[in-house]
Amino acid sequence: MKCQRAWISGRVQGVAFRAHTRARAEALGLRGYARNLPDGRVEVLACGEEQALQALLRWLHVGPPAARVDSVRTEDAGAEDCAPGFRVD
Protein backbone atom coordinates (compact mmCIF):
# COMPACT_ATOMS: atom_id res chain seq x y z
CA MET A 1 0.00 0.00 0.00
CA LYS A 2 1.17 3.49 -0.86
CA CYS A 3 -0.02 6.84 0.49
CA GLN A 4 0.00 10.29 -1.07
CA ARG A 5 -0.96 13.67 0.34
CA ALA A 6 -2.14 16.35 -2.09
CA TRP A 7 -2.92 20.05 -1.74
CA ILE A 8 -5.26 21.39 -4.39
CA SER A 9 -5.63 25.12 -5.02
CA GLY A 10 -8.02 27.11 -7.18
CA ARG A 11 -11.80 27.29 -6.89
CA VAL A 12 -12.00 24.09 -4.84
CA GLN A 13 -14.13 25.09 -1.84
CA GLY A 14 -17.89 25.50 -2.09
CA VAL A 15 -18.08 23.39 -5.27
CA ALA A 16 -18.52 19.89 -3.70
CA PHE A 17 -14.86 19.08 -4.34
CA ARG A 18 -14.52 17.01 -1.16
CA ALA A 19 -17.71 15.00 -1.78
CA HIS A 20 -16.70 14.24 -5.37
CA THR A 21 -13.22 13.28 -4.17
CA ARG A 22 -14.69 10.87 -1.62
CA ALA A 23 -16.93 9.27 -4.26
CA ARG A 24 -14.00 8.87 -6.66
CA ALA A 25 -11.69 7.51 -3.92
CA GLU A 26 -14.29 5.01 -2.70
CA ALA A 27 -14.91 3.81 -6.27
CA LEU A 28 -11.16 3.23 -6.58
CA GLY A 29 -10.96 1.36 -3.26
CA LEU A 30 -8.84 4.03 -1.55
CA ARG A 31 -8.95 5.16 2.05
CA GLY A 32 -8.08 8.52 3.59
CA TYR A 33 -9.73 11.92 3.77
CA ALA A 34 -10.42 15.23 2.05
CA ARG A 35 -10.64 18.45 4.04
CA ASN A 36 -10.85 22.18 3.48
CA LEU A 37 -7.94 24.29 4.68
CA PRO A 38 -8.28 27.83 6.04
CA ASP A 39 -6.25 29.24 3.12
CA GLY A 40 -8.83 28.05 0.55
CA ARG A 41 -7.07 24.87 -0.56
CA VAL A 42 -8.28 21.29 -0.17
CA GLU A 43 -6.00 18.67 1.37
CA VAL A 44 -6.41 15.04 0.33
CA LEU A 45 -4.72 12.03 1.90
CA ALA A 46 -5.22 8.80 0.00
CA CYS A 47 -3.84 5.31 0.57
CA GLY A 48 -4.14 2.18 -1.51
CA GLU A 49 -2.85 0.45 -4.59
CA GLU A 50 -0.49 2.43 -6.82
CA GLN A 51 -2.73 2.29 -9.91
CA ALA A 52 -5.78 3.53 -7.97
CA LEU A 53 -3.75 6.32 -6.36
CA GLN A 54 -2.48 7.50 -9.73
CA ALA A 55 -6.04 7.53 -11.10
CA LEU A 56 -7.21 9.70 -8.19
CA LEU A 57 -4.24 12.05 -8.56
CA ARG A 58 -5.01 12.49 -12.27
CA TRP A 59 -8.63 13.27 -11.40
CA LEU A 60 -7.57 15.84 -8.76
CA HIS A 61 -5.95 17.90 -11.52
CA VAL A 62 -9.42 18.30 -13.08
CA GLY A 63 -11.89 17.98 -10.19
CA PRO A 64 -15.68 18.15 -10.40
CA PRO A 65 -17.46 20.28 -13.04
CA ALA A 66 -17.90 23.40 -10.88
CA ALA A 67 -14.25 23.46 -9.72
CA ARG A 68 -11.26 25.22 -11.24
CA VAL A 69 -7.99 23.54 -10.29
CA ASP A 70 -4.99 25.85 -10.51
CA SER A 71 -2.37 23.55 -8.99
CA VAL A 72 -1.88 20.23 -7.24
CA ARG A 73 1.12 19.65 -4.99
CA THR A 74 1.80 16.11 -3.77
CA GLU A 75 4.14 14.28 -1.45
CA ASP A 76 4.48 10.75 -0.12
CA ALA A 77 2.75 10.13 3.20
CA GLY A 78 2.78 7.47 5.86
CA ALA A 79 0.03 4.87 6.15
CA GLU A 80 -0.33 5.61 9.87
CA ASP A 81 -2.36 8.73 9.00
CA CYS A 82 -4.84 6.74 6.90
CA ALA A 83 -7.80 5.33 8.82
CA PRO A 84 -10.17 2.83 7.20
CA GLY A 85 -12.76 4.33 4.86
CA PHE A 86 -12.63 7.71 3.17
CA ARG A 87 -13.97 10.63 5.14
CA VAL A 88 -14.73 14.26 4.47
CA ASP A 89 -13.59 16.55 7.28
C-alpha atoms as a PDB file:
ATOM      1  CA  MET A   1       0.000   0.000   0.000  1.00  0.00           C
ATOM      2  CA  LYS A   2       1.175   3.487  -0.860  1.00  0.00           C
ATOM      3  CA  CYS A   3      -0.025   6.837   0.492  1.00  0.00           C
ATOM      4  CA  GLN A   4      -0.003  10.287  -1.073  1.00  0.00           C
ATOM      5  CA  ARG A   5      -0.962  13.666   0.340  1.00  0.00           C
ATOM      6  CA  ALA A   6      -2.140  16.347  -2.089  1.00  0.00           C
ATOM      7  CA  TRP A   7      -2.917  20.049  -1.743  1.00  0.00           C
ATOM      8  CA  ILE A   8      -5.255  21.389  -4.393  1.00  0.00           C
ATOM      9  CA  SER A   9      -5.634  25.124  -5.016  1.00  0.00           C
ATOM     10  CA  GLY A  10      -8.018  27.114  -7.180  1.00  0.00           C
ATOM     11  CA  ARG A  11     -11.797  27.293  -6.885  1.00  0.00           C
ATOM     12  CA  VAL A  12     -12.005  24.091  -4.839  1.00  0.00           C
ATOM     13  CA  GLN A  13     -14.130  25.086  -1.841  1.00  0.00           C
ATOM     14  CA  GLY A  14     -17.887  25.504  -2.089  1.00  0.00           C
ATOM     15  CA  VAL A  15     -18.083  23.392  -5.266  1.00  0.00           C
ATOM     16  CA  ALA A  16     -18.523  19.894  -3.698  1.00  0.00           C
ATOM     17  CA  PHE A  17     -14.860  19.077  -4.342  1.00  0.00           C
ATOM     18  CA  ARG A  18     -14.520  17.005  -1.162  1.00  0.00           C
ATOM     19  CA  ALA A  19     -17.713  15.004  -1.778  1.00  0.00           C
ATOM     20  CA  HIS A  20     -16.701  14.244  -5.366  1.00  0.00           C
ATOM     21  CA  THR A  21     -13.215  13.284  -4.166  1.00  0.00           C
ATOM     22  CA  ARG A  22     -14.688  10.869  -1.616  1.00  0.00           C
ATOM     23  CA  ALA A  23     -16.932   9.271  -4.259  1.00  0.00           C
ATOM     24  CA  ARG A  24     -14.001   8.873  -6.656  1.00  0.00           C
ATOM     25  CA  ALA A  25     -11.689   7.509  -3.925  1.00  0.00           C
ATOM     26  CA  GLU A  26     -14.292   5.012  -2.700  1.00  0.00           C
ATOM     27  CA  ALA A  27     -14.910   3.811  -6.270  1.00  0.00           C
ATOM     28  CA  LEU A  28     -11.156   3.231  -6.584  1.00  0.00           C
ATOM     29  CA  GLY A  29     -10.959   1.364  -3.263  1.00  0.00           C
ATOM     30  CA  LEU A  30      -8.842   4.026  -1.553  1.00  0.00           C
ATOM     31  CA  ARG A  31      -8.954   5.156   2.047  1.00  0.00           C
ATOM     32  CA  GLY A  32      -8.079   8.517   3.593  1.00  0.00           C
ATOM     33  CA  TYR A  33      -9.726  11.922   3.768  1.00  0.00           C
ATOM     34  CA  ALA A  34     -10.422  15.235   2.054  1.00  0.00           C
ATOM     35  CA  ARG A  35     -10.640  18.448   4.041  1.00  0.00           C
ATOM     36  CA  ASN A  36     -10.855  22.179   3.480  1.00  0.00           C
ATOM     37  CA  LEU A  37      -7.942  24.286   4.681  1.00  0.00           C
ATOM     38  CA  PRO A  38      -8.283  27.832   6.045  1.00  0.00           C
ATOM     39  CA  ASP A  39      -6.254  29.236   3.117  1.00  0.00           C
ATOM     40  CA  GLY A  40      -8.832  28.051   0.548  1.00  0.00           C
ATOM     41  CA  ARG A  41      -7.066  24.874  -0.562  1.00  0.00           C
ATOM     42  CA  VAL A  42      -8.283  21.293  -0.170  1.00  0.00           C
ATOM     43  CA  GLU A  43      -5.998  18.669   1.365  1.00  0.00           C
ATOM     44  CA  VAL A  44      -6.406  15.038   0.333  1.00  0.00           C
ATOM     45  CA  LEU A  45      -4.716  12.033   1.899  1.00  0.00           C
ATOM     46  CA  ALA A  46      -5.223   8.796  -0.004  1.00  0.00           C
ATOM     47  CA  CYS A  47      -3.844   5.309   0.568  1.00  0.00           C
ATOM     48  CA  GLY A  48      -4.141   2.176  -1.508  1.00  0.00           C
ATOM     49  CA  GLU A  49      -2.852   0.446  -4.592  1.00  0.00           C
ATOM     50  CA  GLU A  50      -0.494   2.433  -6.819  1.00  0.00           C
ATOM     51  CA  GLN A  51      -2.731   2.294  -9.913  1.00  0.00           C
ATOM     52  CA  ALA A  52      -5.776   3.532  -7.974  1.00  0.00           C
ATOM     53  CA  LEU A  53      -3.749   6.323  -6.364  1.00  0.00           C
ATOM     54  CA  GLN A  54      -2.483   7.498  -9.728  1.00  0.00           C
ATOM     55  CA  ALA A  55      -6.037   7.526 -11.101  1.00  0.00           C
ATOM     56  CA  LEU A  56      -7.207   9.696  -8.195  1.00  0.00           C
ATOM     57  CA  LEU A  57      -4.238  12.055  -8.562  1.00  0.00           C
ATOM     58  CA  ARG A  58      -5.006  12.494 -12.273  1.00  0.00           C
ATOM     59  CA  TRP A  59      -8.627  13.274 -11.399  1.00  0.00           C
ATOM     60  CA  LEU A  60      -7.566  15.837  -8.758  1.00  0.00           C
ATOM     61  CA  HIS A  61      -5.950  17.903 -11.522  1.00  0.00           C
ATOM     62  CA  VAL A  62      -9.425  18.300 -13.082  1.00  0.00           C
ATOM     63  CA  GLY A  63     -11.889  17.978 -10.188  1.00  0.00           C
ATOM     64  CA  PRO A  64     -15.676  18.155 -10.399  1.00  0.00           C
ATOM     65  CA  PRO A  65     -17.455  20.275 -13.043  1.00  0.00           C
ATOM     66  CA  ALA A  66     -17.896  23.404 -10.878  1.00  0.00           C
ATOM     67  CA  ALA A  67     -14.254  23.462  -9.719  1.00  0.00           C
ATOM     68  CA  ARG A  68     -11.259  25.216 -11.236  1.00  0.00           C
ATOM     69  CA  VAL A  69      -7.990  23.542 -10.288  1.00  0.00           C
ATOM     70  CA  ASP A  70      -4.989  25.850 -10.511  1.00  0.00           C
ATOM     71  CA  SER A  71      -2.373  23.555  -8.986  1.00  0.00           C
ATOM     72  CA  VAL A  72      -1.882  20.235  -7.235  1.00  0.00           C
ATOM     73  CA  ARG A  73       1.123  19.647  -4.989  1.00  0.00           C
ATOM     74  CA  THR A  74       1.805  16.110  -3.771  1.00  0.00           C
ATOM     75  CA  GLU A  75       4.138  14.277  -1.451  1.00  0.00           C
ATOM     76  CA  ASP A  76       4.483  10.746  -0.121  1.00  0.00           C
ATOM     77  CA  ALA A  77       2.751  10.135   3.195  1.00  0.00           C
ATOM     78  CA  GLY A  78       2.781   7.469   5.861  1.00  0.00           C
ATOM     79  CA  ALA A  79       0.028   4.869   6.151  1.00  0.00           C
ATOM     80  CA  GLU A  80      -0.328   5.610   9.872  1.00  0.00           C
ATOM     81  CA  ASP A  81      -2.361   8.728   9.003  1.00  0.00           C
ATOM     82  CA  CYS A  82      -4.839   6.741   6.903  1.00  0.00           C
ATOM     83  CA  ALA A  83      -7.802   5.335   8.821  1.00  0.00           C
ATOM     84  CA  PRO A  84     -10.174   2.831   7.204  1.00  0.00           C
ATOM     85  CA  GLY A  85     -12.759   4.334   4.856  1.00  0.00           C
ATOM     86  CA  PHE A  86     -12.630   7.708   3.167  1.00  0.00           C
ATOM     87  CA  ARG A  87     -13.971  10.629   5.144  1.00  0.00           C
ATOM     88  CA  VAL A  88     -14.726  14.264   4.466  1.00  0.00           C
ATOM     89  CA  ASP A  89     -13.588  16.553   7.280  1.00  0.00           C
END
